C-alpha atoms as a PDB file:
ATOM      1  CA  MET A   1      21.693  20.317  11.200  1.00  0.00           C
ATOM      2  CA  ASN A   2      24.665  18.074  11.509  1.00  0.00           C
ATOM      3  CA  HIS A   3      26.188  16.105   8.642  1.00  0.00           C
ATOM      4  CA  ARG A   4      24.726  12.764   9.663  1.00  0.00           C
ATOM      5  CA  THR A   5      21.178  14.129   9.772  1.00  0.00           C
ATOM      6  CA  LEU A   6      21.517  15.865   6.405  1.00  0.00           C
ATOM      7  CA  ASN A   7      22.996  12.716   4.907  1.00  0.00           C
ATOM      8  CA  ARG A   8      20.036  10.662   6.138  1.00  0.00           C
ATOM      9  CA  VAL A   9      17.555  13.259   4.883  1.00  0.00           C
ATOM     10  CA  GLY A  10      19.221  13.154   1.467  1.00  0.00           C
ATOM     11  CA  SER A  11      19.056   9.367   1.400  1.00  0.00           C
ATOM     12  CA  ALA A  12      15.393   9.364   2.428  1.00  0.00           C
ATOM     13  CA  LEU A  13      14.501  11.918  -0.251  1.00  0.00           C
ATOM     14  CA  GLY A  14      16.353   9.913  -2.886  1.00  0.00           C
ATOM     15  CA  ILE A  15      14.688   6.650  -1.934  1.00  0.00           C
ATOM     16  CA  GLY A  16      11.290   8.364  -1.868  1.00  0.00           C
ATOM     17  CA  GLY A  17      11.889   9.880  -5.287  1.00  0.00           C
ATOM     18  CA  ILE A  18      12.936   6.532  -6.741  1.00  0.00           C
ATOM     19  CA  ALA A  19       9.852   4.875  -5.240  1.00  0.00           C
ATOM     20  CA  ILE A  20       7.545   7.538  -6.684  1.00  0.00           C
ATOM     21  CA  CYS A  21       9.166   7.251 -10.118  1.00  0.00           C
ATOM     22  CA  ALA A  22       8.917   3.470 -10.039  1.00  0.00           C
ATOM     23  CA  ALA A  23       5.271   3.531  -8.929  1.00  0.00           C
ATOM     24  CA  SER A  24       4.279   6.022 -11.616  1.00  0.00           C
ATOM     25  CA  THR A  25       6.147   4.034 -14.270  1.00  0.00           C
ATOM     26  CA  LEU A  26       4.446   0.796 -13.246  1.00  0.00           C
ATOM     27  CA  GLY A  27       1.083   2.560 -13.156  1.00  0.00           C
ATOM     28  CA  ARG A  28       1.566   3.944 -16.624  1.00  0.00           C
ATOM     29  CA  ALA A  29       2.653   0.537 -17.923  1.00  0.00           C
ATOM     30  CA  GLY A  30      -0.475  -0.927 -16.344  1.00  0.00           C
ATOM     31  CA  GLY A  31      -2.748   1.504 -18.156  1.00  0.00           C
ATOM     32  CA  ILE A  32      -3.378   3.955 -15.320  1.00  0.00           C
ATOM     33  CA  TYR A  33      -3.229   7.557 -16.502  1.00  0.00           C
ATOM     34  CA  TYR A  34      -4.507   9.455 -13.448  1.00  0.00           C
ATOM     35  CA  VAL A  35      -3.900   9.000  -9.718  1.00  0.00           C
ATOM     36  CA  LEU A  36      -5.881  11.182  -7.306  1.00  0.00           C
ATOM     37  CA  GLY A  37      -6.609  13.589 -10.146  1.00  0.00           C
ATOM     38  CA  TYR A  38      -2.971  13.960 -11.251  1.00  0.00           C
ATOM     39  CA  GLU A  39      -1.467  12.560 -14.425  1.00  0.00           C
ATOM     40  CA  VAL A  40       1.176   9.928 -13.830  1.00  0.00           C
ATOM     41  CA  GLY A  41       3.619  12.077 -15.814  1.00  0.00           C
ATOM     42  CA  THR A  42       3.207  14.827 -13.238  1.00  0.00           C
ATOM     43  CA  ILE A  43       3.788  12.358 -10.426  1.00  0.00           C
ATOM     44  CA  PHE A  44       6.892  11.095 -12.219  1.00  0.00           C
ATOM     45  CA  GLY A  45       8.131  14.693 -12.438  1.00  0.00           C
ATOM     46  CA  ALA A  46       7.650  15.077  -8.699  1.00  0.00           C
ATOM     47  CA  GLY A  47       9.763  11.971  -8.160  1.00  0.00           C
ATOM     48  CA  VAL A  48      12.513  13.380 -10.354  1.00  0.00           C
ATOM     49  CA  ALA A  49      12.367  16.636  -8.386  1.00  0.00           C
ATOM     50  CA  LEU A  50      12.800  14.717  -5.126  1.00  0.00           C
ATOM     51  CA  ILE A  51      15.828  12.923  -6.557  1.00  0.00           C
ATOM     52  CA  ALA A  52      17.322  16.269  -7.623  1.00  0.00           C
ATOM     53  CA  VAL A  53      16.805  17.744  -4.142  1.00  0.00           C
ATOM     54  CA  ALA A  54      18.387  14.633  -2.633  1.00  0.00           C
ATOM     55  CA  CYS A  55      21.439  15.125  -4.848  1.00  0.00           C
ATOM     56  CA  LEU A  56      21.736  18.762  -3.766  1.00  0.00           C
ATOM     57  CA  VAL A  57      21.481  17.804  -0.081  1.00  0.00           C
ATOM     58  CA  LYS A  58      24.142  15.114  -0.485  1.00  0.00           C
ATOM     59  CA  LEU A  59      26.363  17.598  -2.340  1.00  0.00           C
ATOM     60  CA  GLU A  60      25.966  20.082   0.501  1.00  0.00           C
ATOM     61  CA  VAL A  61      27.097  17.408   2.958  1.00  0.00           C
ATOM     62  CA  LEU A  62      30.179  16.681   0.857  1.00  0.00           C
ATOM     63  CA  VAL A  63      31.096  20.341   0.410  1.00  0.00           C
ATOM     64  CA  SER A  64      30.611  21.219   4.065  1.00  0.00           C
ATOM     65  CA  ARG A  65      32.848  18.314   5.094  1.00  0.00           C
ATOM     66  CA  GLY A  66      35.592  19.687   2.892  1.00  0.00           C
ATOM     67  CA  GLY A  67      35.314  17.013   0.240  1.00  0.00           C
ATOM     68  CA  GLY A  68      34.561  19.341  -2.649  1.00  0.00           C
END
């Protein structure tokens, strides 16, 4: 994959992770404890994992460009 594609993938993963974290936080604040059989804490953890993967992808882009 080229740098531009990886950069966009990293951005998409980060935005998705933030959206999942925000949705689970709002759900929990609204009194929802389970979504599709999963606890909202588990869904929040999945969002955090997506953000972490996005950071690693973005770091790979920086390192492969010679910026690290």
